[in-house]
């Protein structure tokens, strides 16, 4: 299981997600460009001392992220990242009606704009967290926590 952040806008959300990933032993891909300084120094400020406990990969672009997944699949198919699963308010399938796999990469879009249509169309699955119909969305870090906990619960990957 991996988390992928598509061009995040807000350093504090990314820091919170990195802390989440550290606590759940989940690797993270940050896909640039980001809306903030993505250096270790800046991330340490947002993610505190948890950054040392995260398997973090930075990618300059979405294409670089896809290329790394392809290269990894060629070298080690079992570690390729499996399906690319997008968390989006535009989905019709709930995270609670989806069968997660340990090889899934859970992708979250930009806080300000989600992901472009081409990225949306190219993923293997699109999921939503069911919320009240009169409200637009959850905070990105909160959404990451909900979907990651459900995916790890389903696959037996929660820490003991």
C-alpha atoms as a PDB file:
ATOM      1  CA  UNK A   1       0.000   0.000   0.000  1.00  0.00           C
ATOM      2  CA  UNK A   2       1.253   3.490  -0.883  1.00  0.00           C
ATOM      3  CA  UNK A   3      -0.080   7.036  -0.749  1.00  0.00           C
ATOM      4  CA  UNK A   4       0.521   9.409  -3.656  1.00  0.00           C
ATOM      5  CA  UNK A   5      -0.061  13.151  -3.371  1.00  0.00           C
ATOM      6  CA  UNK A   6      -0.683  14.846  -6.714  1.00  0.00           C
ATOM      7  CA  UNK A   7       0.826  18.354  -6.733  1.00  0.00           C
ATOM      8  CA  UNK A   8      -0.137  19.240  -3.148  1.00  0.00           C
ATOM      9  CA  UNK A   9      -0.782  22.929  -2.437  1.00  0.00           C
ATOM     10  CA  UNK A  10      -0.565  23.091   1.352  1.00  0.00           C
ATOM     11  CA  UNK A  11       2.584  22.139   3.256  1.00  0.00           C
ATOM     12  CA  UNK A  12       0.718  21.549   6.514  1.00  0.00           C
ATOM     13  CA  UNK A  13      -1.559  18.949   4.881  1.00  0.00           C
ATOM     14  CA  UNK A  14       1.456  17.207   3.381  1.00  0.00           C
ATOM     15  CA  UNK A  15       3.175  17.245   6.778  1.00  0.00           C
ATOM     16  CA  UNK A  16       0.103  15.754   8.422  1.00  0.00           C
ATOM     17  CA  UNK A  17      -0.095  13.056   5.740  1.00  0.00           C
ATOM     18  CA  UNK A  18       3.605  12.253   6.186  1.00  0.00           C
ATOM     19  CA  UNK A  19       3.001  11.848   9.919  1.00  0.00           C
ATOM     20  CA  UNK A  20       0.021   9.593   9.139  1.00  0.00           C
ATOM     21  CA  UNK A  21       2.166   7.542   6.764  1.00  0.00           C
ATOM     22  CA  UNK A  22       4.906   7.184   9.374  1.00  0.00           C
ATOM     23  CA  UNK A  23       2.433   5.953  11.974  1.00  0.00           C
ATOM     24  CA  UNK A  24       0.918   3.422   9.552  1.00  0.00           C
ATOM     25  CA  UNK A  25       4.246   2.424   7.920  1.00  0.00           C
ATOM     26  CA  UNK A  26       3.002   3.492   4.491  1.00  0.00           C
ATOM     27  CA  UNK A  27       5.327   4.834   1.759  1.00  0.00           C
ATOM     28  CA  UNK A  28       4.443   8.178   0.154  1.00  0.00           C
ATOM     29  CA  UNK A  29       4.986   9.567  -3.339  1.00  0.00           C
ATOM     30  CA  UNK A  30       4.844  13.360  -3.693  1.00  0.00           C
ATOM     31  CA  UNK A  31       4.194  14.342  -7.295  1.00  0.00           C
ATOM     32  CA  UNK A  32       5.366  17.820  -8.280  1.00  0.00           C
ATOM     33  CA  UNK A  33       5.285  20.549  -8.844  1.00  0.00           C
ATOM     34  CA  UNK A  34       4.096  21.370  -5.352  1.00  0.00           C
ATOM     35  CA  UNK A  35       2.723  24.671  -4.101  1.00  0.00           C
ATOM     36  CA  UNK A  36       5.482  24.917  -1.470  1.00  0.00           C
ATOM     37  CA  UNK A  37       9.136  24.094  -0.812  1.00  0.00           C
ATOM     38  CA  UNK A  38       9.453  20.276  -0.858  1.00  0.00           C
ATOM     39  CA  UNK A  39      12.977  20.139   0.600  1.00  0.00           C
ATOM     40  CA  UNK A  40      13.692  17.941   3.618  1.00  0.00           C
ATOM     41  CA  UNK A  41      14.140  21.099   5.711  1.00  0.00           C
ATOM     42  CA  UNK A  42      10.695  22.428   4.799  1.00  0.00           C
ATOM     43  CA  UNK A  43       9.036  19.024   5.227  1.00  0.00           C
ATOM     44  CA  UNK A  44      10.645  18.568   8.632  1.00  0.00           C
ATOM     45  CA  UNK A  45       9.030  21.822   9.689  1.00  0.00           C
ATOM     46  CA  UNK A  46       5.607  20.563   8.502  1.00  0.00           C
ATOM     47  CA  UNK A  47       6.033  16.873   9.403  1.00  0.00           C
ATOM     48  CA  UNK A  48       8.106  17.321  12.537  1.00  0.00           C
ATOM     49  CA  UNK A  49      10.367  14.444  13.509  1.00  0.00           C
ATOM     50  CA  UNK A  50       8.192  11.877  11.718  1.00  0.00           C
ATOM     51  CA  UNK A  51       9.907  12.494   8.371  1.00  0.00           C
ATOM     52  CA  UNK A  52      12.723  10.122   9.410  1.00  0.00           C
ATOM     53  CA  UNK A  53      10.130   7.328   9.599  1.00  0.00           C
ATOM     54  CA  UNK A  54       8.605   7.757   6.130  1.00  0.00           C
ATOM     55  CA  UNK A  55       9.631   6.089   2.881  1.00  0.00           C
ATOM     56  CA  UNK A  56       9.242   9.270   0.805  1.00  0.00           C
ATOM     57  CA  UNK A  57       9.746   9.516  -2.942  1.00  0.00           C
ATOM     58  CA  UNK A  58       9.606  12.835  -4.743  1.00  0.00           C
ATOM     59  CA  UNK A  59       8.706  13.041  -8.438  1.00  0.00           C
ATOM     60  CA  UNK A  60       9.205  16.176 -10.525  1.00  0.00           C
ATOM     61  CA  UNK A  61       6.047  15.509 -12.553  1.00  0.00           C
ATOM     62  CA  UNK A  62       3.168  13.116 -13.002  1.00  0.00           C
ATOM     63  CA  UNK A  63       4.983  11.553 -15.949  1.00  0.00           C
ATOM     64  CA  UNK A  64       8.067  10.986 -13.775  1.00  0.00           C
ATOM     65  CA  UNK A  65       5.802   9.283 -11.213  1.00  0.00           C
ATOM     66  CA  UNK A  66       4.307   7.024 -13.915  1.00  0.00           C
ATOM     67  CA  UNK A  67       7.778   6.269 -15.288  1.00  0.00           C
ATOM     68  CA  UNK A  68       8.975   5.223 -11.823  1.00  0.00           C
ATOM     69  CA  UNK A  69       5.992   2.874 -11.482  1.00  0.00           C
ATOM     70  CA  UNK A  70       6.769   1.350 -14.893  1.00  0.00           C
ATOM     71  CA  UNK A  71      10.467   0.949 -14.055  1.00  0.00           C
ATOM     72  CA  UNK A  72       9.648  -0.652 -10.718  1.00  0.00           C
ATOM     73  CA  UNK A  73       7.188  -3.049 -12.363  1.00  0.00           C
ATOM     74  CA  UNK A  74       9.887  -4.141 -14.819  1.00  0.00           C
ATOM     75  CA  UNK A  75      12.399  -4.812 -12.011  1.00  0.00           C
ATOM     76  CA  UNK A  76      10.056  -6.212  -9.371  1.00  0.00           C
ATOM     77  CA  UNK A  77       6.477  -6.840 -10.510  1.00  0.00           C
ATOM     78  CA  UNK A  78       5.367  -7.659  -6.968  1.00  0.00           C
ATOM     79  CA  UNK A  79       6.496  -4.177  -5.813  1.00  0.00           C
ATOM     80  CA  UNK A  80       5.130  -2.173  -8.746  1.00  0.00           C
ATOM     81  CA  UNK A  81       2.457  -0.313  -6.828  1.00  0.00           C
ATOM     82  CA  UNK A  82      -0.386  -2.304  -8.370  1.00  0.00           C
ATOM     83  CA  UNK A  83      -3.536  -0.348  -9.109  1.00  0.00           C
ATOM     84  CA  UNK A  84      -3.631   3.422  -9.040  1.00  0.00           C
ATOM     85  CA  UNK A  85      -6.698   4.325  -6.963  1.00  0.00           C
ATOM     86  CA  UNK A  86      -7.848   7.955  -6.987  1.00  0.00           C
ATOM     87  CA  UNK A  87      -9.750   9.431  -4.091  1.00  0.00           C
ATOM     88  CA  UNK A  88     -12.121  12.009  -5.612  1.00  0.00           C
ATOM     89  CA  UNK A  89     -15.426  13.688  -4.878  1.00  0.00           C
ATOM     90  CA  UNK A  90     -16.321  12.952  -8.525  1.00  0.00           C
ATOM     91  CA  UNK A  91     -16.420   9.175  -7.955  1.00  0.00           C
ATOM     92  CA  UNK A  92     -19.525   7.058  -7.633  1.00  0.00           C
ATOM     93  CA  UNK A  93     -17.968   4.125  -5.712  1.00  0.00           C
ATOM     94  CA  UNK A  94     -17.577   4.416  -1.940  1.00  0.00           C
ATOM     95  CA  UNK A  95     -14.344   3.354  -0.266  1.00  0.00           C
ATOM     96  CA  UNK A  96     -16.520   0.990   1.785  1.00  0.00           C
ATOM     97  CA  UNK A  97     -17.757  -0.805  -1.344  1.00  0.00           C
ATOM     98  CA  UNK A  98     -14.273  -1.360  -2.792  1.00  0.00           C
ATOM     99  CA  UNK A  99     -11.945  -4.297  -2.245  1.00  0.00           C
ATOM    100  CA  UNK A 100      -8.491  -2.840  -1.616  1.00  0.00           C
ATOM    101  CA  UNK A 101      -5.302  -4.793  -2.325  1.00  0.00           C
ATOM    102  CA  UNK A 102      -1.988  -4.517  -0.521  1.00  0.00           C
ATOM    103  CA  UNK A 103      -0.359  -3.423  -3.789  1.00  0.00           C
ATOM    104  CA  UNK A 104      -2.672  -0.407  -4.328  1.00  0.00           C
ATOM    105  CA  UNK A 105      -1.394   3.164  -4.540  1.00  0.00           C
ATOM    106  CA  UNK A 106      -3.966   5.565  -3.106  1.00  0.00           C
ATOM    107  CA  UNK A 107      -3.731   8.938  -4.860  1.00  0.00           C
ATOM    108  CA  UNK A 108      -5.110  12.239  -3.598  1.00  0.00           C
ATOM    109  CA  UNK A 109      -5.344  15.347  -5.764  1.00  0.00           C
ATOM    110  CA  UNK A 110      -4.503  18.979  -5.153  1.00  0.00           C
ATOM    111  CA  UNK A 111      -6.399  20.746  -2.419  1.00  0.00           C
ATOM    112  CA  UNK A 112      -7.340  23.522  -4.851  1.00  0.00           C
ATOM    113  CA  UNK A 113      -8.235  21.550  -7.983  1.00  0.00           C
ATOM    114  CA  UNK A 114      -8.056  17.764  -7.567  1.00  0.00           C
ATOM    115  CA  UNK A 115      -6.425  16.165 -10.612  1.00  0.00           C
ATOM    116  CA  UNK A 116      -6.751  17.018 -14.314  1.00  0.00           C
ATOM    117  CA  UNK A 117      -9.234  15.047 -16.415  1.00  0.00           C
ATOM    118  CA  UNK A 118      -6.427  13.116 -18.135  1.00  0.00           C
ATOM    119  CA  UNK A 119      -5.125  11.858 -14.778  1.00  0.00           C
ATOM    120  CA  UNK A 120      -8.677  11.137 -13.626  1.00  0.00           C
ATOM    121  CA  UNK A 121      -9.302   9.058 -16.755  1.00  0.00           C
ATOM    122  CA  UNK A 122      -6.013   7.152 -16.468  1.00  0.00           C
ATOM    123  CA  UNK A 123      -6.416   5.648 -13.000  1.00  0.00           C
ATOM    124  CA  UNK A 124      -7.567   2.104 -12.295  1.00  0.00           C
ATOM    125  CA  UNK A 125     -10.311   3.071  -9.856  1.00  0.00           C
ATOM    126  CA  UNK A 126     -12.011   6.217  -8.541  1.00  0.00           C
ATOM    127  CA  UNK A 127     -13.398   6.244  -4.997  1.00  0.00           C
ATOM    128  CA  UNK A 128     -15.180   8.642  -2.705  1.00  0.00           C
ATOM    129  CA  UNK A 129     -15.733   8.952   1.003  1.00  0.00           C
ATOM    130  CA  UNK A 130     -19.461   9.251   1.561  1.00  0.00           C
ATOM    131  CA  UNK A 131     -20.313  12.571   3.224  1.00  0.00           C
ATOM    132  CA  UNK A 132     -23.406  14.769   3.444  1.00  0.00           C
ATOM    133  CA  UNK A 133     -24.645  15.722  -0.020  1.00  0.00           C
ATOM    134  CA  UNK A 134     -24.885  19.416   0.882  1.00  0.00           C
ATOM    135  CA  UNK A 135     -21.149  19.647   1.674  1.00  0.00           C
ATOM    136  CA  UNK A 136     -18.351  19.610  -0.894  1.00  0.00           C
ATOM    137  CA  UNK A 137     -15.404  17.716   0.592  1.00  0.00           C
ATOM    138  CA  UNK A 138     -13.185  16.846   3.531  1.00  0.00           C
ATOM    139  CA  UNK A 139      -9.757  18.254   4.296  1.00  0.00           C
ATOM    140  CA  UNK A 140      -7.139  16.356   2.270  1.00  0.00           C
ATOM    141  CA  UNK A 141      -5.240  15.022   5.290  1.00  0.00           C
ATOM    142  CA  UNK A 142      -8.469  13.879   6.951  1.00  0.00           C
ATOM    143  CA  UNK A 143      -9.517  12.119   3.733  1.00  0.00           C
ATOM    144  CA  UNK A 144      -6.092  10.452   3.488  1.00  0.00           C
ATOM    145  CA  UNK A 145      -6.457   9.148   7.038  1.00  0.00           C
ATOM    146  CA  UNK A 146      -9.932   7.749   6.430  1.00  0.00           C
ATOM    147  CA  UNK A 147      -9.096   5.967   3.176  1.00  0.00           C
ATOM    148  CA  UNK A 148      -5.725   4.652   4.352  1.00  0.00           C
ATOM    149  CA  UNK A 149      -7.217   3.262   7.572  1.00  0.00           C
ATOM    150  CA  UNK A 150     -10.006   1.529   5.636  1.00  0.00           C
ATOM    151  CA  UNK A 151      -7.600   0.117   3.034  1.00  0.00           C
ATOM    152  CA  UNK A 152      -5.217  -1.177   5.700  1.00  0.00           C
ATOM    153  CA  UNK A 153      -8.100  -2.589   7.741  1.00  0.00           C
ATOM    154  CA  UNK A 154      -9.387  -4.513   4.723  1.00  0.00           C
ATOM    155  CA  UNK A 155      -5.969  -5.887   3.818  1.00  0.00           C
ATOM    156  CA  UNK A 156      -4.825  -6.709   7.346  1.00  0.00           C
ATOM    157  CA  UNK A 157      -2.131  -4.054   7.220  1.00  0.00           C
ATOM    158  CA  UNK A 158      -2.968  -2.065  10.350  1.00  0.00           C
ATOM    159  CA  UNK A 159      -0.123  -1.970  12.879  1.00  0.00           C
ATOM    160  CA  UNK A 160      -0.721  -4.211  15.876  1.00  0.00           C
END
